[in-house]
PDB file of N, CA and C in Angstrom:
ATOM      1  N   MET A   1      10.331 -15.786  28.874  1.00  0.00           N
ATOM      2  CA  MET A   1       9.617 -16.707  29.727  1.00  0.00           C
ATOM      3  C   MET A   1       9.433 -16.124  31.124  1.00  0.00           C
ATOM      4  N   VAL A   2      10.411 -15.356  31.579  1.00  0.00           N
ATOM      5  CA  VAL A   2      10.309 -14.745  32.906  1.00  0.00           C
ATOM      6  C   VAL A   2       9.101 -13.811  32.953  1.00  0.00           C
ATOM      7  N   ALA A   3       8.911 -13.012  31.896  1.00  0.00           N
ATOM      8  CA  ALA A   3       7.771 -12.096  31.851  1.00  0.00           C
ATOM      9  C   ALA A   3       6.451 -12.863  31.876  1.00  0.00           C
ATOM     10  N   ILE A   4       6.404 -13.999  31.210  1.00  0.00           N
ATOM     11  CA  ILE A   4       5.176 -14.801  31.184  1.00  0.00           C
ATOM     12  C   ILE A   4       4.858 -15.331  32.570  1.00  0.00           C
ATOM     13  N   PHE A   5       5.876 -15.873  33.249  1.00  0.00           N
ATOM     14  CA  PHE A   5       5.643 -16.366  34.603  1.00  0.00           C
ATOM     15  C   PHE A   5       5.288 -15.224  35.553  1.00  0.00           C
ATOM     16  N   ALA A   6       5.856 -14.043  35.324  1.00  0.00           N
ATOM     17  CA  ALA A   6       5.609 -12.916  36.213  1.00  0.00           C
ATOM     18  C   ALA A   6       4.205 -12.346  36.056  1.00  0.00           C
ATOM     19  N   ILE A   7       3.700 -12.251  34.826  1.00  0.00           N
ATOM     20  CA  ILE A   7       2.405 -11.611  34.610  1.00  0.00           C
ATOM     21  C   ILE A   7       1.322 -12.546  34.085  1.00  0.00           C
ATOM     22  N   GLY A   8       1.660 -13.802  33.873  1.00  0.00           N
ATOM     23  CA  GLY A   8       0.696 -14.745  33.310  1.00  0.00           C
ATOM     24  C   GLY A   8      -0.571 -14.882  34.135  1.00  0.00           C
ATOM     25  N   HIS A   9      -0.437 -14.871  35.444  1.00  0.00           N
ATOM     26  CA  HIS A   9      -1.605 -15.021  36.306  1.00  0.00           C
ATOM     27  C   HIS A   9      -2.455 -13.750  36.355  1.00  0.00           C
ATOM     28  N   ILE A  10      -1.901 -12.636  35.915  1.00  0.00           N
ATOM     29  CA  ILE A  10      -2.632 -11.370  35.937  1.00  0.00           C
ATOM     30  C   ILE A  10      -3.334 -11.122  34.610  1.00  0.00           C
ATOM     31  N   SER A  11      -2.582 -11.227  33.517  1.00  0.00           N
ATOM     32  CA  SER A  11      -3.124 -10.829  32.218  1.00  0.00           C
ATOM     33  C   SER A  11      -3.257 -11.977  31.231  1.00  0.00           C
ATOM     34  N   GLY A  12      -2.838 -13.165  31.614  1.00  0.00           N
ATOM     35  CA  GLY A  12      -2.827 -14.262  30.656  1.00  0.00           C
ATOM     36  C   GLY A  12      -1.660 -14.179  29.705  1.00  0.00           C
ATOM     37  N   ALA A  13      -0.664 -13.372  30.046  1.00  0.00           N
ATOM     38  CA  ALA A  13       0.561 -13.206  29.253  1.00  0.00           C
ATOM     39  C   ALA A  13       0.281 -12.676  27.853  1.00  0.00           C
ATOM     40  N   HIS A  14      -0.638 -11.735  27.762  1.00  0.00           N
ATOM     41  CA  HIS A  14      -0.951 -11.115  26.472  1.00  0.00           C
ATOM     42  C   HIS A  14       0.069 -10.026  26.178  1.00  0.00           C
ATOM     43  N   ILE A  15       1.284 -10.404  25.834  1.00  0.00           N
ATOM     44  CA  ILE A  15       2.304  -9.426  25.501  1.00  0.00           C
ATOM     45  C   ILE A  15       2.679  -9.490  24.027  1.00  0.00           C
ATOM     46  N   ASN A  16       1.941 -10.263  23.269  1.00  0.00           N
ATOM     47  CA  ASN A  16       2.247 -10.472  21.863  1.00  0.00           C
ATOM     48  C   ASN A  16       0.922 -10.598  21.107  1.00  0.00           C
ATOM     49  N   PRO A  17       0.755  -9.880  19.994  1.00  0.00           N
ATOM     50  CA  PRO A  17      -0.496  -9.992  19.243  1.00  0.00           C
ATOM     51  C   PRO A  17      -0.828 -11.424  18.804  1.00  0.00           C
ATOM     52  N   ALA A  18       0.190 -12.217  18.501  1.00  0.00           N
ATOM     53  CA  ALA A  18      -0.074 -13.603  18.095  1.00  0.00           C
ATOM     54  C   ALA A  18      -0.721 -14.388  19.230  1.00  0.00           C
ATOM     55  N   VAL A  19      -0.307 -14.117  20.461  1.00  0.00           N
ATOM     56  CA  VAL A  19      -0.893 -14.795  21.622  1.00  0.00           C
ATOM     57  C   VAL A  19      -2.355 -14.377  21.784  1.00  0.00           C
ATOM     58  N   THR A  20      -2.621 -13.099  21.651  1.00  0.00           N
ATOM     59  CA  THR A  20      -3.988 -12.599  21.780  1.00  0.00           C
ATOM     60  C   THR A  20      -4.894 -13.209  20.721  1.00  0.00           C
ATOM     61  N   ILE A  21      -4.426 -13.250  19.488  1.00  0.00           N
ATOM     62  CA  ILE A  21      -5.227 -13.828  18.401  1.00  0.00           C
ATOM     63  C   ILE A  21      -5.438 -15.321  18.626  1.00  0.00           C
ATOM     64  N   ALA A  22      -4.396 -16.021  19.070  1.00  0.00           N
ATOM     65  CA  ALA A  22      -4.530 -17.460  19.340  1.00  0.00           C
ATOM     66  C   ALA A  22      -5.541 -17.715  20.444  1.00  0.00           C
ATOM     67  N   PHE A  23      -5.481 -16.933  21.529  1.00  0.00           N
ATOM     68  CA  PHE A  23      -6.442 -17.109  22.619  1.00  0.00           C
ATOM     69  C   PHE A  23      -7.861 -16.814  22.149  1.00  0.00           C
ATOM     70  N   ALA A  24      -8.039 -15.787  21.324  1.00  0.00           N
ATOM     71  CA  ALA A  24      -9.376 -15.470  20.812  1.00  0.00           C
ATOM     72  C   ALA A  24      -9.880 -16.590  19.905  1.00  0.00           C
ATOM     73  N   ALA A  25      -9.007 -17.113  19.061  1.00  0.00           N
ATOM     74  CA  ALA A  25      -9.402 -18.197  18.152  1.00  0.00           C
ATOM     75  C   ALA A  25      -9.793 -19.455  18.920  1.00  0.00           C
ATOM     76  N   LEU A  26      -9.161 -19.665  20.072  1.00  0.00           N
ATOM     77  CA  LEU A  26      -9.466 -20.842  20.896  1.00  0.00           C
ATOM     78  C   LEU A  26     -10.527 -20.556  21.964  1.00  0.00           C
ATOM     79  N   ARG A  27     -11.157 -19.387  21.856  1.00  0.00           N
ATOM     80  CA  ARG A  27     -12.251 -18.980  22.748  1.00  0.00           C
ATOM     81  C   ARG A  27     -11.834 -18.814  24.210  1.00  0.00           C
ATOM     82  N   HIS A  28     -10.584 -18.400  24.426  1.00  0.00           N
ATOM     83  CA  HIS A  28     -10.117 -18.085  25.778  1.00  0.00           C
ATOM     84  C   HIS A  28     -10.076 -16.577  26.005  1.00  0.00           C
ATOM     85  N   PHE A  29     -10.474 -15.815  24.994  1.00  0.00           N
ATOM     86  CA  PHE A  29     -10.414 -14.359  25.057  1.00  0.00           C
ATOM     87  C   PHE A  29     -11.450 -13.792  24.097  1.00  0.00           C
ATOM     88  N   PRO A  30     -12.193 -12.758  24.496  1.00  0.00           N
ATOM     89  CA  PRO A  30     -13.247 -12.226  23.615  1.00  0.00           C
ATOM     90  C   PRO A  30     -12.682 -11.461  22.409  1.00  0.00           C
ATOM     91  N   TRP A  31     -13.223 -11.739  21.230  1.00  0.00           N
ATOM     92  CA  TRP A  31     -12.777 -11.082  20.006  1.00  0.00           C
ATOM     93  C   TRP A  31     -12.956  -9.571  20.090  1.00  0.00           C
ATOM     94  N   ALA A  32     -13.948  -9.112  20.833  1.00  0.00           N
ATOM     95  CA  ALA A  32     -14.208  -7.672  20.935  1.00  0.00           C
ATOM     96  C   ALA A  32     -13.027  -6.915  21.549  1.00  0.00           C
ATOM     97  N   HIS A  33     -12.228  -7.583  22.364  1.00  0.00           N
ATOM     98  CA  HIS A  33     -11.087  -6.938  23.019  1.00  0.00           C
ATOM     99  C   HIS A  33      -9.797  -7.017  22.207  1.00  0.00           C
ATOM    100  N   VAL A  34      -9.788  -7.836  21.171  1.00  0.00           N
ATOM    101  CA  VAL A  34      -8.559  -8.076  20.398  1.00  0.00           C
ATOM    102  C   VAL A  34      -7.985  -6.800  19.776  1.00  0.00           C
ATOM    103  N   PRO A  35      -8.780  -5.960  19.085  1.00  0.00           N
ATOM    104  CA  PRO A  35      -8.177  -4.765  18.471  1.00  0.00           C
ATOM    105  C   PRO A  35      -7.480  -3.847  19.484  1.00  0.00           C
ATOM    106  N   ALA A  36      -8.108  -3.612  20.619  1.00  0.00           N
ATOM    107  CA  ALA A  36      -7.497  -2.739  21.630  1.00  0.00           C
ATOM    108  C   ALA A  36      -6.200  -3.344  22.168  1.00  0.00           C
ATOM    109  N   TYR A  37      -6.201  -4.635  22.421  1.00  0.00           N
ATOM    110  CA  TYR A  37      -4.983  -5.298  22.913  1.00  0.00           C
ATOM    111  C   TYR A  37      -3.856  -5.183  21.894  1.00  0.00           C
ATOM    112  N   ILE A  38      -4.178  -5.406  20.613  1.00  0.00           N
ATOM    113  CA  ILE A  38      -3.143  -5.353  19.583  1.00  0.00           C
ATOM    114  C   ILE A  38      -2.587  -3.931  19.451  1.00  0.00           C
ATOM    115  N   ILE A  39      -3.438  -2.933  19.526  1.00  0.00           N
ATOM    116  CA  ILE A  39      -2.965  -1.546  19.462  1.00  0.00           C
ATOM    117  C   ILE A  39      -2.001  -1.259  20.609  1.00  0.00           C
ATOM    118  N   VAL A  40      -2.356  -1.678  21.813  1.00  0.00           N
ATOM    119  CA  VAL A  40      -1.485  -1.443  22.969  1.00  0.00           C
ATOM    120  C   VAL A  40      -0.194  -2.251  22.859  1.00  0.00           C
ATOM    121  N   GLN A  41      -0.282  -3.489  22.406  1.00  0.00           N
ATOM    122  CA  GLN A  41       0.913  -4.332  22.268  1.00  0.00           C
ATOM    123  C   GLN A  41       1.884  -3.754  21.240  1.00  0.00           C
ATOM    124  N   VAL A  42       1.373  -3.304  20.112  1.00  0.00           N
ATOM    125  CA  VAL A  42       2.235  -2.719  19.081  1.00  0.00           C
ATOM    126  C   VAL A  42       2.818  -1.394  19.578  1.00  0.00           C
ATOM    127  N   SER A  43       2.011  -0.601  20.274  1.00  0.00           N
ATOM    128  CA  SER A  43       2.522   0.648  20.856  1.00  0.00           C
ATOM    129  C   SER A  43       3.635   0.367  21.857  1.00  0.00           C
ATOM    130  N   GLY A  44       3.461  -0.666  22.656  1.00  0.00           N
ATOM    131  CA  GLY A  44       4.494  -1.045  23.624  1.00  0.00           C
ATOM    132  C   GLY A  44       5.774  -1.489  22.944  1.00  0.00           C
ATOM    133  N   SER A  45       5.646  -2.236  21.853  1.00  0.00           N
ATOM    134  CA  SER A  45       6.855  -2.689  21.154  1.00  0.00           C
ATOM    135  C   SER A  45       7.578  -1.532  20.475  1.00  0.00           C
ATOM    136  N   ILE A  46       6.817  -0.569  19.961  1.00  0.00           N
ATOM    137  CA  ILE A  46       7.436   0.611  19.361  1.00  0.00           C
ATOM    138  C   ILE A  46       8.153   1.429  20.437  1.00  0.00           C
ATOM    139  N   SER A  47       7.521   1.584  21.582  1.00  0.00           N
ATOM    140  CA  SER A  47       8.153   2.301  22.703  1.00  0.00           C
ATOM    141  C   SER A  47       9.431   1.591  23.148  1.00  0.00           C
ATOM    142  N   ALA A  48       9.389   0.275  23.220  1.00  0.00           N
ATOM    143  CA  ALA A  48      10.577  -0.491  23.598  1.00  0.00           C
ATOM    144  C   ALA A  48      11.692  -0.312  22.576  1.00  0.00           C
ATOM    145  N   SER A  49      11.335  -0.221  21.296  1.00  0.00           N
ATOM    146  CA  SER A  49      12.334  -0.003  20.252  1.00  0.00           C
ATOM    147  C   SER A  49      13.029   1.342  20.436  1.00  0.00           C
ATOM    148  N   PHE A  50      12.250   2.378  20.742  1.00  0.00           N
ATOM    149  CA  PHE A  50      12.857   3.685  20.978  1.00  0.00           C
ATOM    150  C   PHE A  50      13.711   3.677  22.242  1.00  0.00           C
ATOM    151  N   ALA A  51      13.280   2.937  23.258  1.00  0.00           N
ATOM    152  CA  ALA A  51      14.086   2.830  24.484  1.00  0.00           C
ATOM    153  C   ALA A  51      15.422   2.148  24.192  1.00  0.00           C
ATOM    154  N   LEU A  52      15.391   1.073  23.401  1.00  0.00           N
ATOM    155  CA  LEU A  52      16.642   0.403  23.012  1.00  0.00           C
ATOM    156  C   LEU A  52      17.546   1.329  22.211  1.00  0.00           C
ATOM    157  N   LYS A  53      16.942   2.095  21.315  1.00  0.00           N
ATOM    158  CA  LYS A  53      17.727   3.035  20.515  1.00  0.00           C
ATOM    159  C   LYS A  53      18.400   4.068  21.423  1.00  0.00           C
ATOM    160  N   ALA A  54      17.675   4.549  22.420  1.00  0.00           N
ATOM    161  CA  ALA A  54      18.237   5.531  23.351  1.00  0.00           C
ATOM    162  C   ALA A  54      19.348   4.922  24.204  1.00  0.00           C
ATOM    163  N   VAL A  55      19.166   3.706  24.650  1.00  0.00           N
ATOM    164  CA  VAL A  55      20.149   3.053  25.524  1.00  0.00           C
ATOM    165  C   VAL A  55      21.407   2.669  24.753  1.00  0.00           C
ATOM    166  N   PHE A  56      21.254   2.139  23.550  1.00  0.00           N
ATOM    167  CA  PHE A  56      22.395   1.601  22.810  1.00  0.00           C
ATOM    168  C   PHE A  56      23.005   2.576  21.801  1.00  0.00           C
ATOM    169  N   HIS A  57      22.498   3.792  21.708  1.00  0.00           N
ATOM    170  CA  HIS A  57      23.064   4.764  20.769  1.00  0.00           C
ATOM    171  C   HIS A  57      24.512   5.038  21.133  1.00  0.00           C
ATOM    172  N   PRO A  58      25.468   5.050  20.289  1.00  0.00           N
ATOM    173  CA  PRO A  58      25.424   4.999  18.829  1.00  0.00           C
ATOM    174  C   PRO A  58      25.563   3.591  18.260  1.00  0.00           C
ATOM    175  N   PHE A  59      25.551   2.567  19.098  1.00  0.00           N
ATOM    176  CA  PHE A  59      25.657   1.187  18.624  1.00  0.00           C
ATOM    177  C   PHE A  59      24.278   0.703  18.230  1.00  0.00           C
ATOM    178  N   MET A  60      23.876   0.975  17.017  1.00  0.00           N
ATOM    179  CA  MET A  60      22.496   0.746  16.604  1.00  0.00           C
ATOM    180  C   MET A  60      22.116  -0.726  16.484  1.00  0.00           C
ATOM    181  N   SER A  61      23.069  -1.630  16.559  1.00  0.00           N
ATOM    182  CA  SER A  61      22.712  -3.049  16.487  1.00  0.00           C
ATOM    183  C   SER A  61      22.360  -3.609  17.864  1.00  0.00           C
ATOM    184  N   GLY A  62      22.488  -2.809  18.910  1.00  0.00           N
ATOM    185  CA  GLY A  62      22.159  -3.282  20.258  1.00  0.00           C
ATOM    186  C   GLY A  62      20.686  -3.597  20.395  1.00  0.00           C
ATOM    187  N   GLY A  63      20.376  -4.750  20.948  1.00  0.00           N
ATOM    188  CA  GLY A  63      18.992  -5.165  21.137  1.00  0.00           C
ATOM    189  C   GLY A  63      18.357  -5.784  19.911  1.00  0.00           C
ATOM    190  N   VAL A  64      19.109  -5.930  18.840  1.00  0.00           N
ATOM    191  CA  VAL A  64      18.580  -6.489  17.603  1.00  0.00           C
ATOM    192  C   VAL A  64      19.110  -7.909  17.437  1.00  0.00           C
ATOM    193  N   THR A  65      18.236  -8.825  17.107  1.00  0.00           N
ATOM    194  CA  THR A  65      18.652 -10.196  16.863  1.00  0.00           C
ATOM    195  C   THR A  65      19.010 -10.345  15.389  1.00  0.00           C
ATOM    196  N   VAL A  66      20.268 -10.642  15.131  1.00  0.00           N
ATOM    197  CA  VAL A  66      20.756 -10.801  13.763  1.00  0.00           C
ATOM    198  C   VAL A  66      21.499 -12.130  13.696  1.00  0.00           C
ATOM    199  N   PRO A  67      21.158 -12.988  12.730  1.00  0.00           N
ATOM    200  CA  PRO A  67      21.860 -14.270  12.626  1.00  0.00           C
ATOM    201  C   PRO A  67      23.340 -14.082  12.294  1.00  0.00           C
ATOM    202  N   SER A  68      24.138 -14.980  12.773  1.00  0.00           N
ATOM    203  CA  SER A  68      25.569 -14.949  12.480  1.00  0.00           C
ATOM    204  C   SER A  68      25.805 -15.258  11.004  1.00  0.00           C
ATOM    205  N   PRO A  69      26.912 -14.760  10.468  1.00  0.00           N
ATOM    206  CA  PRO A  69      27.227 -15.102   9.076  1.00  0.00           C
ATOM    207  C   PRO A  69      27.344 -16.624   8.904  1.00  0.00           C
ATOM    208  N   GLY A  70      26.829 -17.126   7.813  1.00  0.00           N
ATOM    209  CA  GLY A  70      26.894 -18.561   7.541  1.00  0.00           C
ATOM    210  C   GLY A  70      25.657 -19.321   7.998  1.00  0.00           C
ATOM    211  N   ILE A  71      24.737 -18.648   8.689  1.00  0.00           N
ATOM    212  CA  ILE A  71      23.498 -19.289   9.131  1.00  0.00           C
ATOM    213  C   ILE A  71      22.441 -19.042   8.055  1.00  0.00           C
ATOM    214  N   SER A  72      21.815 -20.102   7.594  1.00  0.00           N
ATOM    215  CA  SER A  72      20.839 -19.968   6.507  1.00  0.00           C
ATOM    216  C   SER A  72      19.492 -19.480   7.031  1.00  0.00           C
ATOM    217  N   ASN A  73      18.679 -18.974   6.122  1.00  0.00           N
ATOM    218  CA  ASN A  73      17.328 -18.544   6.482  1.00  0.00           C
ATOM    219  C   ASN A  73      16.506 -19.712   7.025  1.00  0.00           C
ATOM    220  N   ALA A  74      16.707 -20.892   6.470  1.00  0.00           N
ATOM    221  CA  ALA A  74      15.975 -22.074   6.937  1.00  0.00           C
ATOM    222  C   ALA A  74      16.347 -22.409   8.383  1.00  0.00           C
ATOM    223  N   GLN A  75      17.621 -22.298   8.729  1.00  0.00           N
ATOM    224  CA  GLN A  75      18.045 -22.562  10.102  1.00  0.00           C
ATOM    225  C   GLN A  75      17.450 -21.541  11.062  1.00  0.00           C
ATOM    226  N   VAL A  76      17.461 -20.290  10.656  1.00  0.00           N
ATOM    227  CA  VAL A  76      16.885 -19.232  11.495  1.00  0.00           C
ATOM    228  C   VAL A  76      15.392 -19.461  11.676  1.00  0.00           C
ATOM    229  N   PHE A  77      14.706 -19.811  10.597  1.00  0.00           N
ATOM    230  CA  PHE A  77      13.270 -20.068  10.676  1.00  0.00           C
ATOM    231  C   PHE A  77      12.968 -21.215  11.635  1.00  0.00           C
ATOM    232  N   MET A  78      13.706 -22.309  11.523  1.00  0.00           N
ATOM    233  CA  MET A  78      13.467 -23.462  12.396  1.00  0.00           C
ATOM    234  C   MET A  78      13.737 -23.119  13.866  1.00  0.00           C
ATOM    235  N   LEU A  79      14.798 -22.376  14.122  1.00  0.00           N
ATOM    236  CA  LEU A  79      15.091 -21.967  15.488  1.00  0.00           C
ATOM    237  C   LEU A  79      13.964 -21.103  16.047  1.00  0.00           C
ATOM    238  N   GLU A  80      13.512 -20.126  15.275  1.00  0.00           N
ATOM    239  CA  GLU A  80      12.409 -19.263  15.722  1.00  0.00           C
ATOM    240  C   GLU A  80      11.127 -20.068  15.923  1.00  0.00           C
ATOM    241  N   PHE A  81      10.885 -21.037  15.047  1.00  0.00           N
ATOM    242  CA  PHE A  81       9.702 -21.889  15.179  1.00  0.00           C
ATOM    243  C   PHE A  81       9.745 -22.663  16.489  1.00  0.00           C
ATOM    244  N   ILE A  82      10.877 -23.249  16.790  1.00  0.00           N
ATOM    245  CA  ILE A  82      11.020 -24.044  18.023  1.00  0.00           C
ATOM    246  C   ILE A  82      10.888 -23.165  19.261  1.00  0.00           C
ATOM    247  N   VAL A  83      11.561 -22.032  19.272  1.00  0.00           N
ATOM    248  CA  VAL A  83      11.492 -21.131  20.421  1.00  0.00           C
ATOM    249  C   VAL A  83      10.064 -20.622  20.615  1.00  0.00           C
ATOM    250  N   THR A  84       9.392 -20.256  19.518  1.00  0.00           N
ATOM    251  CA  THR A  84       8.012 -19.777  19.613  1.00  0.00           C
ATOM    252  C   THR A  84       7.079 -20.882  20.092  1.00  0.00           C
ATOM    253  N   PHE A  85       7.308 -22.112  19.655  1.00  0.00           N
ATOM    254  CA  PHE A  85       6.494 -23.234  20.125  1.00  0.00           C
ATOM    255  C   PHE A  85       6.585 -23.360  21.640  1.00  0.00           C
ATOM    256  N   PHE A  86       7.797 -23.343  22.170  1.00  0.00           N
ATOM    257  CA  PHE A  86       7.955 -23.459  23.624  1.00  0.00           C
ATOM    258  C   PHE A  86       7.369 -22.256  24.347  1.00  0.00           C
ATOM    259  N   LEU A  87       7.518 -21.066  23.779  1.00  0.00           N
ATOM    260  CA  LEU A  87       6.946 -19.869  24.381  1.00  0.00           C
ATOM    261  C   LEU A  87       5.425 -19.979  24.458  1.00  0.00           C
ATOM    262  N   MET A  88       4.790 -20.383  23.359  1.00  0.00           N
ATOM    263  CA  MET A  88       3.330 -20.543  23.356  1.00  0.00           C
ATOM    264  C   MET A  88       2.890 -21.668  24.279  1.00  0.00           C
ATOM    265  N   PHE A  89       3.668 -22.730  24.376  1.00  0.00           N
ATOM    266  CA  PHE A  89       3.346 -23.823  25.287  1.00  0.00           C
ATOM    267  C   PHE A  89       3.307 -23.318  26.727  1.00  0.00           C
ATOM    268  N   ILE A  90       4.297 -22.525  27.096  1.00  0.00           N
ATOM    269  CA  ILE A  90       4.352 -21.987  28.455  1.00  0.00           C
ATOM    270  C   ILE A  90       3.214 -21.001  28.696  1.00  0.00           C
ATOM    271  N   ILE A  91       2.967 -20.117  27.738  1.00  0.00           N
ATOM    272  CA  ILE A  91       1.869 -19.152  27.890  1.00  0.00           C
ATOM    273  C   ILE A  91       0.552 -19.873  28.064  1.00  0.00           C
ATOM    274  N   THR A  92       0.301 -20.861  27.225  1.00  0.00           N
ATOM    275  CA  THR A  92      -0.961 -21.608  27.311  1.00  0.00           C
ATOM    276  C   THR A  92      -1.066 -22.333  28.640  1.00  0.00           C
ATOM    277  N   SER A  93       0.020 -22.903  29.103  1.00  0.00           N
ATOM    278  CA  SER A  93       0.001 -23.611  30.383  1.00  0.00           C
ATOM    279  C   SER A  93      -0.291 -22.673  31.543  1.00  0.00           C
ATOM    280  N   VAL A  94       0.352 -21.520  31.539  1.00  0.00           N
ATOM    281  CA  VAL A  94       0.191 -20.577  32.641  1.00  0.00           C
ATOM    282  C   VAL A  94      -1.172 -19.904  32.597  1.00  0.00           C
ATOM    283  N   ALA A  95      -1.626 -19.535  31.404  1.00  0.00           N
ATOM    284  CA  ALA A  95      -2.829 -18.725  31.290  1.00  0.00           C
ATOM    285  C   ALA A  95      -4.132 -19.514  31.279  1.00  0.00           C
ATOM    286  N   THR A  96      -4.119 -20.769  30.857  1.00  0.00           N
ATOM    287  CA  THR A  96      -5.387 -21.487  30.702  1.00  0.00           C
ATOM    288  C   THR A  96      -5.555 -22.664  31.650  1.00  0.00           C
ATOM    289  N   ASP A  97      -4.514 -23.124  32.274  1.00  0.00           N
ATOM    290  CA  ASP A  97      -4.621 -24.258  33.194  1.00  0.00           C
ATOM    291  C   ASP A  97      -4.983 -23.741  34.583  1.00  0.00           C
ATOM    292  N   THR A  98      -6.136 -24.123  35.055  1.00  0.00           N
ATOM    293  CA  THR A  98      -6.591 -23.622  36.361  1.00  0.00           C
ATOM    294  C   THR A  98      -5.706 -24.104  37.497  1.00  0.00           C
ATOM    295  N   ARG A  99      -4.968 -25.174  37.301  1.00  0.00           N
ATOM    296  CA  ARG A  99      -4.060 -25.645  38.347  1.00  0.00           C
ATOM    297  C   ARG A  99      -2.806 -24.795  38.436  1.00  0.00           C
ATOM    298  N   ALA A 100      -2.496 -24.028  37.375  1.00  0.00           N
ATOM    299  CA  ALA A 100      -1.274 -23.222  37.349  1.00  0.00           C
ATOM    300  C   ALA A 100      -1.400 -21.942  38.156  1.00  0.00           C
ATOM    301  N   VAL A 101      -2.627 -21.491  38.388  1.00  0.00           N
ATOM    302  CA  VAL A 101      -2.846 -20.242  39.107  1.00  0.00           C
ATOM    303  C   VAL A 101      -3.724 -20.511  40.316  1.00  0.00           C
ATOM    304  N   ARG A 102      -3.249 -20.132  41.469  1.00  0.00           N
ATOM    305  CA  ARG A 102      -4.055 -20.275  42.685  1.00  0.00           C
ATOM    306  C   ARG A 102      -4.810 -18.987  42.916  1.00  0.00           C
ATOM    307  N   THR A 103      -6.085 -19.121  43.246  1.00  0.00           N
ATOM    308  CA  THR A 103      -6.906 -17.927  43.393  1.00  0.00           C
ATOM    309  C   THR A 103      -7.152 -17.566  44.853  1.00  0.00           C
ATOM    310  N   HIS A 104      -6.841 -18.444  45.774  1.00  0.00           N
ATOM    311  CA  HIS A 104      -7.093 -18.145  47.186  1.00  0.00           C
ATOM    312  C   HIS A 104      -5.784 -17.985  47.914  1.00  0.00           C
ATOM    313  N   ILE A 105      -5.682 -16.918  48.682  1.00  0.00           N
ATOM    314  CA  ILE A 105      -4.443 -16.654  49.422  1.00  0.00           C
ATOM    315  C   ILE A 105      -4.171 -17.747  50.448  1.00  0.00           C
ATOM    316  N   ASN A 106      -5.186 -18.396  50.948  1.00  0.00           N
ATOM    317  CA  ASN A 106      -5.006 -19.430  51.955  1.00  0.00           C
ATOM    318  C   ASN A 106      -4.417 -20.723  51.387  1.00  0.00           C
ATOM    319  N   ASP A 107      -4.407 -20.839  50.052  1.00  0.00           N
ATOM    320  CA  ASP A 107      -3.863 -22.043  49.423  1.00  0.00           C
ATOM    321  C   ASP A 107      -2.330 -22.105  49.464  1.00  0.00           C
ATOM    322  N   PHE A 108      -1.685 -20.996  49.754  1.00  0.00           N
ATOM    323  CA  PHE A 108      -0.231 -20.973  49.712  1.00  0.00           C
ATOM    324  C   PHE A 108       0.358 -21.575  50.923  1.00  0.00           C
TER     325      PHE A 108
END
């Protein structure tokens, strides 16, 4: 959420391919730009994975989200669904609500 608030006013918080596709489907982003954004987003996530591997080596589980023993797949799915819902709610609020972003320096 911090990243969304930090860059939402600049890029519309396009840090996830699902966000880019959702914005394009809702006509807040041109479909022609979607492939390039997705390529860059996936490249960024791969780079981040290698950075985590370098930082946490030899502890290869560092930076990986793994459910605790005894947690069912259904519980994990519901948790991810809820967290993603709130994440998309915040992205949509920051990126598409004209009241969320001030465009004039004198307004501050």
